Amino acid sequence: LVESGGGLVQAGGSLRLSCAASGRTFSTYAMGWFRQAPGLEREFVAA
């Protein structure tokens, strides 16, 4: 999995992240996004 699309944006703005999958992708059942802020646990965003 390779993510892209992150960056610096002002409050109220928008970003679109992408995640390209390669390899045994035919077996993929689900994909999700998580995030982790400094000092915090990784948390679920969407799937």
ModelCIF file with pLDDT and N, C-alpha, C, O atoms, coordinates in Angstrom:
data_MODEL
#
_entry.id   MODEL 
#
_entity.id                         1 
_entity.type                       polymer 
_entity.pdbx_number_of_molecules   1 
#
_entity_poly.entity_id                      1 
_entity_poly.type                           'polypeptide(L)' 
_entity_poly.nstd_linkage                   no 
_entity_poly.nstd_monomer                   no 
_entity_poly.pdbx_seq_one_letter_code       LVESGGGLVQAGGSLRLSCAASGRTFSTYAMGWFRQAPGLEREFVAA 
_entity_poly.pdbx_seq_one_letter_code_can   LVESGGGLVQAGGSLRLSCAASGRTFSTYAMGWFRQAPGLEREFVAA 
_entity_poly.pdbx_strand_id                 A 
#
loop_
_entity_poly_seq.entity_id 
_entity_poly_seq.num 
_entity_poly_seq.mon_id 
_entity_poly_seq.hetero 
1 1  LEU n 
1 2  VAL n 
1 3  GLU n 
1 4  SER n 
1 5  GLY n 
1 6  GLY n 
1 7  GLY n 
1 8  LEU n 
1 9  VAL n 
1 10 GLN n 
1 11 ALA n 
1 12 GLY n 
1 13 GLY n 
1 14 SER n 
1 15 LEU n 
1 16 ARG n 
1 17 LEU n 
1 18 SER n 
1 19 CYS n 
1 20 ALA n 
1 21 ALA n 
1 22 SER n 
1 23 GLY n 
1 24 ARG n 
1 25 THR n 
1 26 PHE n 
1 27 SER n 
1 28 THR n 
1 29 TYR n 
1 30 ALA n 
1 31 MET n 
1 32 GLY n 
1 33 TRP n 
1 34 PHE n 
1 35 ARG n 
1 36 GLN n 
1 37 ALA n 
1 38 PRO n 
1 39 GLY n 
1 40 LEU n 
1 41 GLU n 
1 42 ARG n 
1 43 GLU n 
1 44 PHE n 
1 45 VAL n 
1 46 ALA n 
1 47 ALA n 
#
_struct_asym.id          A 
_struct_asym.entity_id   1 
#
loop_
_ma_qa_metric.id 
_ma_qa_metric.mode 
_ma_qa_metric.name 
_ma_qa_metric.software_group_id 
_ma_qa_metric.type 
1 global pLDDT . pLDDT 
2 local  pLDDT . pLDDT 
#
_ma_qa_metric_global.metric_id      1 
_ma_qa_metric_global.metric_value   94.15 
_ma_qa_metric_global.model_id       1 
_ma_qa_metric_global.ordinal_id     1 
#
loop_
_ma_qa_metric_local.label_asym_id 
_ma_qa_metric_local.label_comp_id 
_ma_qa_metric_local.label_seq_id 
_ma_qa_metric_local.metric_id 
_ma_qa_metric_local.metric_value 
_ma_qa_metric_local.model_id 
_ma_qa_metric_local.ordinal_id 
A LEU 1  2 96.00 1 1  
A VAL 2  2 96.00 1 2  
A GLU 3  2 96.00 1 3  
A SER 4  2 96.00 1 4  
A GLY 5  2 97.00 1 5  
A GLY 6  2 96.00 1 6  
A GLY 7  2 97.00 1 7  
A LEU 8  2 98.00 1 8  
A VAL 9  2 98.00 1 9  
A GLN 10 2 98.00 1 10 
A ALA 11 2 98.00 1 11 
A GLY 12 2 97.00 1 12 
A GLY 13 2 97.00 1 13 
A SER 14 2 98.00 1 14 
A LEU 15 2 98.00 1 15 
A ARG 16 2 98.00 1 16 
A LEU 17 2 98.00 1 17 
A SER 18 2 98.00 1 18 
A CYS 19 2 97.00 1 19 
A ALA 20 2 96.00 1 20 
A ALA 21 2 94.00 1 21 
A SER 22 2 91.00 1 22 
A GLY 23 2 89.00 1 23 
A ARG 24 2 81.00 1 24 
A THR 25 2 76.00 1 25 
A PHE 26 2 72.00 1 26 
A SER 27 2 77.00 1 27 
A THR 28 2 81.00 1 28 
A TYR 29 2 90.00 1 29 
A ALA 30 2 94.00 1 30 
A MET 31 2 95.00 1 31 
A GLY 32 2 96.00 1 32 
A TRP 33 2 98.00 1 33 
A PHE 34 2 98.00 1 34 
A ARG 35 2 97.00 1 35 
A GLN 36 2 98.00 1 36 
A ALA 37 2 96.00 1 37 
A PRO 38 2 92.00 1 38 
A GLY 39 2 94.00 1 39 
A LEU 40 2 96.00 1 40 
A GLU 41 2 96.00 1 41 
A ARG 42 2 97.00 1 42 
A GLU 43 2 96.00 1 43 
A PHE 44 2 97.00 1 44 
A VAL 45 2 97.00 1 45 
A ALA 46 2 97.00 1 46 
A ALA 47 2 97.00 1 47 
#
loop_
_atom_site.group_PDB 
_atom_site.id 
_atom_site.type_symbol 
_atom_site.label_atom_id 
_atom_site.label_alt_id 
_atom_site.label_comp_id 
_atom_site.label_asym_id 
_atom_site.label_entity_id 
_atom_site.label_seq_id 
_atom_site.pdbx_PDB_ins_code 
_atom_site.Cartn_x 
_atom_site.Cartn_y 
_atom_site.Cartn_z 
_atom_site.occupancy 
_atom_site.B_iso_or_equiv 
_atom_site.pdbx_formal_charge 
_atom_site.auth_seq_id 
_atom_site.auth_comp_id 
_atom_site.auth_asym_id 
_atom_site.auth_atom_id 
_atom_site.pdbx_PDB_model_num 
ATOM 1   N N  . LEU A 1 1  ? 0.844   -1.191  0.000  1.00 96.00 ? 1  LEU A N  1 
ATOM 2   C CA . LEU A 1 1  ? 0.000   0.000   0.000  1.00 96.00 ? 1  LEU A CA 1 
ATOM 3   C C  . LEU A 1 1  ? 0.878   1.240   0.000  1.00 96.00 ? 1  LEU A C  1 
ATOM 4   O O  . LEU A 1 1  ? 1.835   1.329   0.769  1.00 96.00 ? 1  LEU A O  1 
ATOM 5   N N  . VAL A 1 2  ? 0.557   2.185   -0.853 1.00 96.00 ? 2  VAL A N  1 
ATOM 6   C CA . VAL A 1 2  ? 1.304   3.431   -0.925 1.00 96.00 ? 2  VAL A CA 1 
ATOM 7   C C  . VAL A 1 2  ? 0.324   4.593   -0.881 1.00 96.00 ? 2  VAL A C  1 
ATOM 8   O O  . VAL A 1 2  ? -0.513  4.746   -1.771 1.00 96.00 ? 2  VAL A O  1 
ATOM 9   N N  . GLU A 1 3  ? 0.433   5.414   0.165  1.00 96.00 ? 3  GLU A N  1 
ATOM 10  C CA . GLU A 1 3  ? -0.432  6.583   0.309  1.00 96.00 ? 3  GLU A CA 1 
ATOM 11  C C  . GLU A 1 3  ? 0.200   7.797   -0.350 1.00 96.00 ? 3  GLU A C  1 
ATOM 12  O O  . GLU A 1 3  ? 1.419   7.884   -0.499 1.00 96.00 ? 3  GLU A O  1 
ATOM 13  N N  . SER A 1 4  ? -0.651  8.727   -0.738 1.00 96.00 ? 4  SER A N  1 
ATOM 14  C CA . SER A 1 4  ? -0.207  10.006  -1.263 1.00 96.00 ? 4  SER A CA 1 
ATOM 15  C C  . SER A 1 4  ? -1.320  11.025  -1.051 1.00 96.00 ? 4  SER A C  1 
ATOM 16  O O  . SER A 1 4  ? -2.456  10.676  -0.730 1.00 96.00 ? 4  SER A O  1 
ATOM 17  N N  . GLY A 1 5  ? -0.964  12.298  -1.239 1.00 97.00 ? 5  GLY A N  1 
ATOM 18  C CA . GLY A 1 5  ? -1.973  13.343  -1.170 1.00 97.00 ? 5  GLY A CA 1 
ATOM 19  C C  . GLY A 1 5  ? -1.965  14.167  0.098  1.00 97.00 ? 5  GLY A C  1 
ATOM 20  O O  . GLY A 1 5  ? -2.721  15.132  0.210  1.00 97.00 ? 5  GLY A O  1 
ATOM 21  N N  . GLY A 1 6  ? -1.130  13.808  1.053  1.00 96.00 ? 6  GLY A N  1 
ATOM 22  C CA . GLY A 1 6  ? -1.066  14.598  2.273  1.00 96.00 ? 6  GLY A CA 1 
ATOM 23  C C  . GLY A 1 6  ? -0.391  15.940  2.023  1.00 96.00 ? 6  GLY A C  1 
ATOM 24  O O  . GLY A 1 6  ? 0.151   16.190  0.947  1.00 96.00 ? 6  GLY A O  1 
ATOM 25  N N  . GLY A 1 7  ? -0.435  16.797  3.036  1.00 97.00 ? 7  GLY A N  1 
ATOM 26  C CA . GLY A 1 7  ? 0.205   18.091  2.906  1.00 97.00 ? 7  GLY A CA 1 
ATOM 27  C C  . GLY A 1 7  ? -0.283  19.064  3.946  1.00 97.00 ? 7  GLY A C  1 
ATOM 28  O O  . GLY A 1 7  ? -0.903  18.684  4.939  1.00 97.00 ? 7  GLY A O  1 
ATOM 29  N N  . LEU A 1 8  ? 0.007   20.329  3.704  1.00 98.00 ? 8  LEU A N  1 
ATOM 30  C CA . LEU A 1 8  ? -0.370  21.418  4.606  1.00 98.00 ? 8  LEU A CA 1 
ATOM 31  C C  . LEU A 1 8  ? -1.559  22.154  4.012  1.00 98.00 ? 8  LEU A C  1 
ATOM 32  O O  . LEU A 1 8  ? -1.540  22.536  2.842  1.00 98.00 ? 8  LEU A O  1 
ATOM 33  N N  . VAL A 1 9  ? -2.593  22.351  4.820  1.00 98.00 ? 9  VAL A N  1 
ATOM 34  C CA . VAL A 1 9  ? -3.794  23.030  4.351  1.00 98.00 ? 9  VAL A CA 1 
ATOM 35  C C  . VAL A 1 9  ? -4.332  23.902  5.485  1.00 98.00 ? 9  VAL A C  1 
ATOM 36  O O  . VAL A 1 9  ? -4.148  23.589  6.661  1.00 98.00 ? 9  VAL A O  1 
ATOM 37  N N  . GLN A 1 10 ? -4.982  24.975  5.127  1.00 98.00 ? 10 GLN A N  1 
ATOM 38  C CA . GLN A 1 10 ? -5.586  25.842  6.140  1.00 98.00 ? 10 GLN A CA 1 
ATOM 39  C C  . GLN A 1 10 ? -6.907  25.252  6.635  1.00 98.00 ? 10 GLN A C  1 
ATOM 40  O O  . GLN A 1 10 ? -7.569  24.488  5.932  1.00 98.00 ? 10 GLN A O  1 
ATOM 41  N N  . ALA A 1 11 ? -7.264  25.620  7.837  1.00 98.00 ? 11 ALA A N  1 
ATOM 42  C CA . ALA A 1 11 ? -8.544  25.177  8.390  1.00 98.00 ? 11 ALA A CA 1 
ATOM 43  C C  . ALA A 1 11 ? -9.676  25.559  7.439  1.00 98.00 ? 11 ALA A C  1 
ATOM 44  O O  . ALA A 1 11 ? -9.711  26.666  6.901  1.00 98.00 ? 11 ALA A O  1 
ATOM 45  N N  . GLY A 1 12 ? -10.593 24.625  7.246  1.00 97.00 ? 12 GLY A N  1 
ATOM 46  C CA . GLY A 1 12 ? -11.692 24.824  6.318  1.00 97.00 ? 12 GLY A CA 1 
ATOM 47  C C  . GLY A 1 12 ? -11.412 24.313  4.923  1.00 97.00 ? 12 GLY A C  1 
ATOM 48  O O  . GLY A 1 12 ? -12.315 24.234  4.090  1.00 97.00 ? 12 GLY A O  1 
ATOM 49  N N  . GLY A 1 13 ? -10.174 23.969  4.667  1.00 97.00 ? 13 GLY A N  1 
ATOM 50  C CA . GLY A 1 13 ? -9.789  23.487  3.350  1.00 97.00 ? 13 GLY A CA 1 
ATOM 51  C C  . GLY A 1 13 ? -10.055 22.009  3.171  1.00 97.00 ? 13 GLY A C  1 
ATOM 52  O O  . GLY A 1 13 ? -10.620 21.349  4.043  1.00 97.00 ? 13 GLY A O  1 
ATOM 53  N N  . SER A 1 14 ? -9.635  21.501  2.021  1.00 98.00 ? 14 SER A N  1 
ATOM 54  C CA . SER A 1 14 ? -9.879  20.108  1.663  1.00 98.00 ? 14 SER A CA 1 
ATOM 55  C C  . SER A 1 14 ? -8.599  19.451  1.166  1.00 98.00 ? 14 SER A C  1 
ATOM 56  O O  . SER A 1 14 ? -7.693  20.109  0.655  1.00 98.00 ? 14 SER A O  1 
ATOM 57  N N  . LEU A 1 15 ? -8.555  18.147  1.332  1.00 98.00 ? 15 LEU A N  1 
ATOM 58  C CA . LEU A 1 15 ? -7.485  17.323  0.773  1.00 98.00 ? 15 LEU A CA 1 
ATOM 59  C C  . LEU A 1 15 ? -8.100  15.995  0.341  1.00 98.00 ? 15 LEU A C  1 
ATOM 60  O O  . LEU A 1 15 ? -9.096  15.541  0.904  1.00 98.00 ? 15 LEU A O  1 
ATOM 61  N N  . ARG A 1 16 ? -7.491  15.385  -0.663 1.00 98.00 ? 16 ARG A N  1 
ATOM 62  C CA . ARG A 1 16 ? -7.883  14.038  -1.042 1.00 98.00 ? 16 ARG A CA 1 
ATOM 63  C C  . ARG A 1 16 ? -6.669  13.130  -0.954 1.00 98.00 ? 16 ARG A C  1 
ATOM 64  O O  . ARG A 1 16 ? -5.670  13.334  -1.643 1.00 98.00 ? 16 ARG A O  1 
ATOM 65  N N  . LEU A 1 17 ? -6.771  12.137  -0.102 1.00 98.00 ? 17 LEU A N  1 
ATOM 66  C CA . LEU A 1 17 ? -5.715  11.148  0.029  1.00 98.00 ? 17 LEU A CA 1 
ATOM 67  C C  . LEU A 1 17 ? -5.998  9.975   -0.905 1.00 98.00 ? 17 LEU A C  1 
ATOM 68  O O  . LEU A 1 17 ? -7.148  9.614   -1.156 1.00 98.00 ? 17 LEU A O  1 
ATOM 69  N N  . SER A 1 18 ? -4.926  9.400   -1.405 1.00 98.00 ? 18 SER A N  1 
ATOM 70  C CA . SER A 1 18 ? -5.036  8.217   -2.250 1.00 98.00 ? 18 SER A CA 1 
ATOM 71  C C  . SER A 1 18 ? -4.191  7.105   -1.664 1.00 98.00 ? 18 SER A C  1 
ATOM 72  O O  . SER A 1 18 ? -3.172  7.355   -1.019 1.00 98.00 ? 18 SER A O  1 
ATOM 73  N N  . CYS A 1 19 ? -4.619  5.884   -1.894 1.00 97.00 ? 19 CYS A N  1 
ATOM 74  C CA . CYS A 1 19 ? -3.857  4.717   -1.459 1.00 97.00 ? 19 CYS A CA 1 
ATOM 75  C C  . CYS A 1 19 ? -3.907  3.688   -2.581 1.00 97.00 ? 19 CYS A C  1 
ATOM 76  O O  . CYS A 1 19 ? -4.957  3.117   -2.875 1.00 97.00 ? 19 CYS A O  1 
ATOM 77  N N  . ALA A 1 20 ? -2.763  3.467   -3.197 1.00 96.00 ? 20 ALA A N  1 
ATOM 78  C CA . ALA A 1 20 ? -2.675  2.514   -4.289 1.00 96.00 ? 20 ALA A CA 1 
ATOM 79  C C  . ALA A 1 20 ? -2.211  1.166   -3.763 1.00 96.00 ? 20 ALA A C  1 
ATOM 80  O O  . ALA A 1 20 ? -1.198  1.072   -3.070 1.00 96.00 ? 20 ALA A O  1 
ATOM 81  N N  . ALA A 1 21 ? -2.954  0.133   -4.097 1.00 94.00 ? 21 ALA A N  1 
ATOM 82  C CA . ALA A 1 21 ? -2.622  -1.219  -3.658 1.00 94.00 ? 21 ALA A CA 1 
ATOM 83  C C  . ALA A 1 21 ? -2.008  -2.003  -4.803 1.00 94.00 ? 21 ALA A C  1 
ATOM 84  O O  . ALA A 1 21 ? -2.417  -1.862  -5.955 1.00 94.00 ? 21 ALA A O  1 
ATOM 85  N N  . SER A 1 22 ? -1.027  -2.826  -4.480 1.00 91.00 ? 22 SER A N  1 
ATOM 86  C CA . SER A 1 22 ? -0.404  -3.695  -5.472 1.00 91.00 ? 22 SER A CA 1 
ATOM 87  C C  . SER A 1 22 ? -0.117  -5.046  -4.818 1.00 91.00 ? 22 SER A C  1 
ATOM 88  O O  . SER A 1 22 ? -0.157  -5.183  -3.596 1.00 91.00 ? 22 SER A O  1 
ATOM 89  N N  . GLY A 1 23 ? 0.168   -6.028  -5.649 1.00 89.00 ? 23 GLY A N  1 
ATOM 90  C CA . GLY A 1 23 ? 0.406   -7.372  -5.140 1.00 89.00 ? 23 GLY A CA 1 
ATOM 91  C C  . GLY A 1 23 ? -0.850  -8.210  -5.267 1.00 89.00 ? 23 GLY A C  1 
ATOM 92  O O  . GLY A 1 23 ? -1.503  -8.186  -6.309 1.00 89.00 ? 23 GLY A O  1 
ATOM 93  N N  . ARG A 1 24 ? -1.201  -8.951  -4.224 1.00 81.00 ? 24 ARG A N  1 
ATOM 94  C CA . ARG A 1 24 ? -2.334  -9.860  -4.244 1.00 81.00 ? 24 ARG A CA 1 
ATOM 95  C C  . ARG A 1 24 ? -3.642  -9.116  -3.981 1.00 81.00 ? 24 ARG A C  1 
ATOM 96  O O  . ARG A 1 24 ? -4.373  -9.432  -3.042 1.00 81.00 ? 24 ARG A O  1 
ATOM 97  N N  . THR A 1 25 ? -3.920  -8.132  -4.819 1.00 76.00 ? 25 THR A N  1 
ATOM 98  C CA . THR A 1 25 ? -5.084  -7.274  -4.587 1.00 76.00 ? 25 THR A CA 1 
ATOM 99  C C  . THR A 1 25 ? -6.405  -7.982  -4.838 1.00 76.00 ? 25 THR A C  1 
ATOM 100 O O  . THR A 1 25 ? -7.446  -7.526  -4.365 1.00 76.00 ? 25 THR A O  1 
ATOM 101 N N  . PHE A 1 26 ? -6.383  -9.087  -5.572 1.00 72.00 ? 26 PHE A N  1 
ATOM 102 C CA . PHE A 1 26 ? -7.633  -9.789  -5.844 1.00 72.00 ? 26 PHE A CA 1 
ATOM 103 C C  . PHE A 1 26 ? -8.241  -10.359 -4.580 1.00 72.00 ? 26 PHE A C  1 
ATOM 104 O O  . PHE A 1 26 ? -9.433  -10.666 -4.543 1.00 72.00 ? 26 PHE A O  1 
ATOM 105 N N  . SER A 1 27 ? -7.427  -10.502 -3.540 1.00 77.00 ? 27 SER A N  1 
ATOM 106 C CA . SER A 1 27 ? -7.914  -11.076 -2.292 1.00 77.00 ? 27 SER A CA 1 
ATOM 107 C C  . SER A 1 27 ? -8.378  -10.015 -1.300 1.00 77.00 ? 27 SER A C  1 
ATOM 108 O O  . SER A 1 27 ? -8.736  -10.336 -0.167 1.00 77.00 ? 27 SER A O  1 
ATOM 109 N N  . THR A 1 28 ? -8.372  -8.758  -1.722 1.00 81.00 ? 28 THR A N  1 
ATOM 110 C CA . THR A 1 28 ? -8.732  -7.680  -0.790 1.00 81.00 ? 28 THR A CA 1 
ATOM 111 C C  . THR A 1 28 ? -10.204 -7.757  -0.423 1.00 81.00 ? 28 THR A C  1 
ATOM 112 O O  . THR A 1 28 ? -11.066 -7.840  -1.298 1.00 81.00 ? 28 THR A O  1 
ATOM 113 N N  . TYR A 1 29 ? -10.485 -7.729  0.856  1.00 90.00 ? 29 TYR A N  1 
ATOM 114 C CA . TYR A 1 29 ? -11.864 -7.739  1.342  1.00 90.00 ? 29 TYR A CA 1 
ATOM 115 C C  . TYR A 1 29 ? -12.299 -6.353  1.783  1.00 90.00 ? 29 TYR A C  1 
ATOM 116 O O  . TYR A 1 29 ? -13.420 -5.928  1.502  1.00 90.00 ? 29 TYR A O  1 
ATOM 117 N N  . ALA A 1 30 ? -11.427 -5.658  2.462  1.00 94.00 ? 30 ALA A N  1 
ATOM 118 C CA . ALA A 1 30 ? -11.768 -4.324  2.962  1.00 94.00 ? 30 ALA A CA 1 
ATOM 119 C C  . ALA A 1 30 ? -10.515 -3.466  3.002  1.00 94.00 ? 30 ALA A C  1 
ATOM 120 O O  . ALA A 1 30 ? -9.400  -3.969  3.141  1.00 94.00 ? 30 ALA A O  1 
ATOM 121 N N  . MET A 1 31 ? -10.717 -2.178  2.879  1.00 95.00 ? 31 MET A N  1 
ATOM 122 C CA . MET A 1 31 ? -9.630  -1.209  3.044  1.00 95.00 ? 31 MET A CA 1 
ATOM 123 C C  . MET A 1 31 ? -10.118 -0.098  3.947  1.00 95.00 ? 31 MET A C  1 
ATOM 124 O O  . MET A 1 31 ? -11.302 0.236   3.977  1.00 95.00 ? 31 MET A O  1 
ATOM 125 N N  . GLY A 1 32 ? -9.189  0.456   4.670  1.00 96.00 ? 32 GLY A N  1 
ATOM 126 C CA . GLY A 1 32 ? -9.578  1.496   5.616  1.00 96.00 ? 32 GLY A CA 1 
ATOM 127 C C  . GLY A 1 32 ? -8.521  2.562   5.751  1.00 96.00 ? 32 GLY A C  1 
ATOM 128 O O  . GLY A 1 32 ? -7.392  2.417   5.282  1.00 96.00 ? 32 GLY A O  1 
ATOM 129 N N  . TRP A 1 33 ? -8.915  3.636   6.402  1.00 98.00 ? 33 TRP A N  1 
ATOM 130 C CA . TRP A 1 33 ? -8.009  4.737   6.749  1.00 98.00 ? 33 TRP A CA 1 
ATOM 131 C C  . TRP A 1 33 ? -8.022  4.896   8.269  1.00 98.00 ? 33 TRP A C  1 
ATOM 132 O O  . TRP A 1 33 ? -9.069  4.904   8.915  1.00 98.00 ? 33 TRP A O  1 
ATOM 133 N N  . PHE A 1 34 ? -6.823  5.022   8.799  1.00 98.00 ? 34 PHE A N  1 
ATOM 134 C CA . PHE A 1 34 ? -6.644  5.324   10.205 1.00 98.00 ? 34 PHE A CA 1 
ATOM 135 C C  . PHE A 1 34 ? -5.744  6.553   10.289 1.00 98.00 ? 34 PHE A C  1 
ATOM 136 O O  . PHE A 1 34 ? -5.107  6.936   9.308  1.00 98.00 ? 34 PHE A O  1 
ATOM 137 N N  . ARG A 1 35 ? -5.700  7.156   11.452 1.00 97.00 ? 35 ARG A N  1 
ATOM 138 C CA . ARG A 1 35 ? -4.800  8.296   11.623 1.00 97.00 ? 35 ARG A CA 1 
ATOM 139 C C  . ARG A 1 35 ? -4.214  8.262   13.022 1.00 97.00 ? 35 ARG A C  1 
ATOM 140 O O  . ARG A 1 35 ? -4.786  7.695   13.953 1.00 97.00 ? 35 ARG A O  1 
ATOM 141 N N  . GLN A 1 36 ? -3.049  8.893   13.136 1.00 98.00 ? 36 GLN A N  1 
ATOM 142 C CA . GLN A 1 36 ? -2.362  8.932   14.423 1.00 98.00 ? 36 GLN A CA 1 
ATOM 143 C C  . GLN A 1 36 ? -1.727  10.299  14.610 1.00 98.00 ? 36 GLN A C  1 
ATOM 144 O O  . GLN A 1 36 ? -0.870  10.721  13.833 1.00 98.00 ? 36 GLN A O  1 
ATOM 145 N N  . ALA A 1 37 ? -2.162  10.973  15.647 1.00 96.00 ? 37 ALA A N  1 
ATOM 146 C CA . ALA A 1 37 ? -1.588  12.263  16.022 1.00 96.00 ? 37 ALA A CA 1 
ATOM 147 C C  . ALA A 1 37 ? -0.499  12.021  17.064 1.00 96.00 ? 37 ALA A C  1 
ATOM 148 O O  . ALA A 1 37 ? -0.517  10.992  17.739 1.00 96.00 ? 37 ALA A O  1 
ATOM 149 N N  . PRO A 1 38 ? 0.439   12.940  17.206 1.00 92.00 ? 38 PRO A N  1 
ATOM 150 C CA . PRO A 1 38 ? 1.534   12.762  18.162 1.00 92.00 ? 38 PRO A CA 1 
ATOM 151 C C  . PRO A 1 38 ? 1.026   12.503  19.569 1.00 92.00 ? 38 PRO A C  1 
ATOM 152 O O  . PRO A 1 38 ? 0.178   13.236  20.078 1.00 92.00 ? 38 PRO A O  1 
ATOM 153 N N  . GLY A 1 39 ? 1.549   11.456  20.194 1.00 94.00 ? 39 GLY A N  1 
ATOM 154 C CA . GLY A 1 39 ? 1.176   11.135  21.557 1.00 94.00 ? 39 GLY A CA 1 
ATOM 155 C C  . GLY A 1 39 ? -0.144  10.414  21.716 1.00 94.00 ? 39 GLY A C  1 
ATOM 156 O O  . GLY A 1 39 ? -0.552  10.104  22.836 1.00 94.00 ? 39 GLY A O  1 
ATOM 157 N N  . LEU A 1 40 ? -0.816  10.144  20.613 1.00 96.00 ? 40 LEU A N  1 
ATOM 158 C CA . LEU A 1 40 ? -2.121  9.490   20.678 1.00 96.00 ? 40 LEU A CA 1 
ATOM 159 C C  . LEU A 1 40 ? -2.081  8.147   19.958 1.00 96.00 ? 40 LEU A C  1 
ATOM 160 O O  . LEU A 1 40 ? -1.182  7.876   19.162 1.00 96.00 ? 40 LEU A O  1 
ATOM 161 N N  . GLU A 1 41 ? -3.069  7.321   20.253 1.00 96.00 ? 41 GLU A N  1 
ATOM 162 C CA . GLU A 1 41 ? -3.164  6.036   19.573 1.00 96.00 ? 41 GLU A CA 1 
ATOM 163 C C  . GLU A 1 41 ? -3.703  6.207   18.155 1.00 96.00 ? 41 GLU A C  1 
ATOM 164 O O  . GLU A 1 41 ? -4.373  7.187   17.827 1.00 96.00 ? 41 GLU A O  1 
ATOM 165 N N  . ARG A 1 42 ? -3.388  5.233   17.349 1.00 97.00 ? 42 ARG A N  1 
ATOM 166 C CA . ARG A 1 42 ? -3.917  5.234   15.988 1.00 97.00 ? 42 ARG A CA 1 
ATOM 167 C C  . ARG A 1 42 ? -5.425  4.982   16.053 1.00 97.00 ? 42 ARG A C  1 
ATOM 168 O O  . ARG A 1 42 ? -5.881  4.048   16.713 1.00 97.00 ? 42 ARG A O  1 
ATOM 169 N N  . GLU A 1 43 ? -6.189  5.826   15.361 1.00 96.00 ? 43 GLU A N  1 
ATOM 170 C CA . GLU A 1 43 ? -7.638  5.722   15.457 1.00 96.00 ? 43 GLU A CA 1 
ATOM 171 C C  . GLU A 1 43 ? -8.278  5.539   14.088 1.00 96.00 ? 43 GLU A C  1 
ATOM 172 O O  . GLU A 1 43 ? -7.735  5.943   13.059 1.00 96.00 ? 43 GLU A O  1 
ATOM 173 N N  . PHE A 1 44 ? -9.428  4.926   14.113 1.00 97.00 ? 44 PHE A N  1 
ATOM 174 C CA . PHE A 1 44 ? -10.163 4.641   12.893 1.00 97.00 ? 44 PHE A CA 1 
ATOM 175 C C  . PHE A 1 44 ? -10.745 5.914   12.286 1.00 97.00 ? 44 PHE A C  1 
ATOM 176 O O  . PHE A 1 44 ? -11.226 6.793   13.002 1.00 97.00 ? 44 PHE A O  1 
ATOM 177 N N  . VAL A 1 45 ? -10.695 6.001   10.967 1.00 97.00 ? 45 VAL A N  1 
ATOM 178 C CA . VAL A 1 45 ? -11.285 7.139   10.258 1.00 97.00 ? 45 VAL A CA 1 
ATOM 179 C C  . VAL A 1 45 ? -12.451 6.665   9.381  1.00 97.00 ? 45 VAL A C  1 
ATOM 180 O O  . VAL A 1 45 ? -13.577 7.142   9.524  1.00 97.00 ? 45 VAL A O  1 
ATOM 181 N N  . ALA A 1 46 ? -12.174 5.742   8.490  1.00 97.00 ? 46 ALA A N  1 
ATOM 182 C CA . ALA A 1 46 ? -13.203 5.259   7.562  1.00 97.00 ? 46 ALA A CA 1 
ATOM 183 C C  . ALA A 1 46 ? -12.753 3.944   6.944  1.00 97.00 ? 46 ALA A C  1 
ATOM 184 O O  . ALA A 1 46 ? -11.564 3.624   6.929  1.00 97.00 ? 46 ALA A O  1 
ATOM 185 N N  . ALA A 1 47 ? -13.723 3.181   6.432  1.00 97.00 ? 47 ALA A N  1 
ATOM 186 C CA . ALA A 1 47 ? -13.402 1.910   5.777  1.00 97.00 ? 47 ALA A CA 1 
ATOM 187 C C  . ALA A 1 47 ? -14.427 1.626   4.698  1.00 97.00 ? 47 ALA A C  1 
ATOM 188 O O  . ALA A 1 47 ? -14.343 0.601   4.021  1.00 97.00 ? 47 ALA A O  1 
#
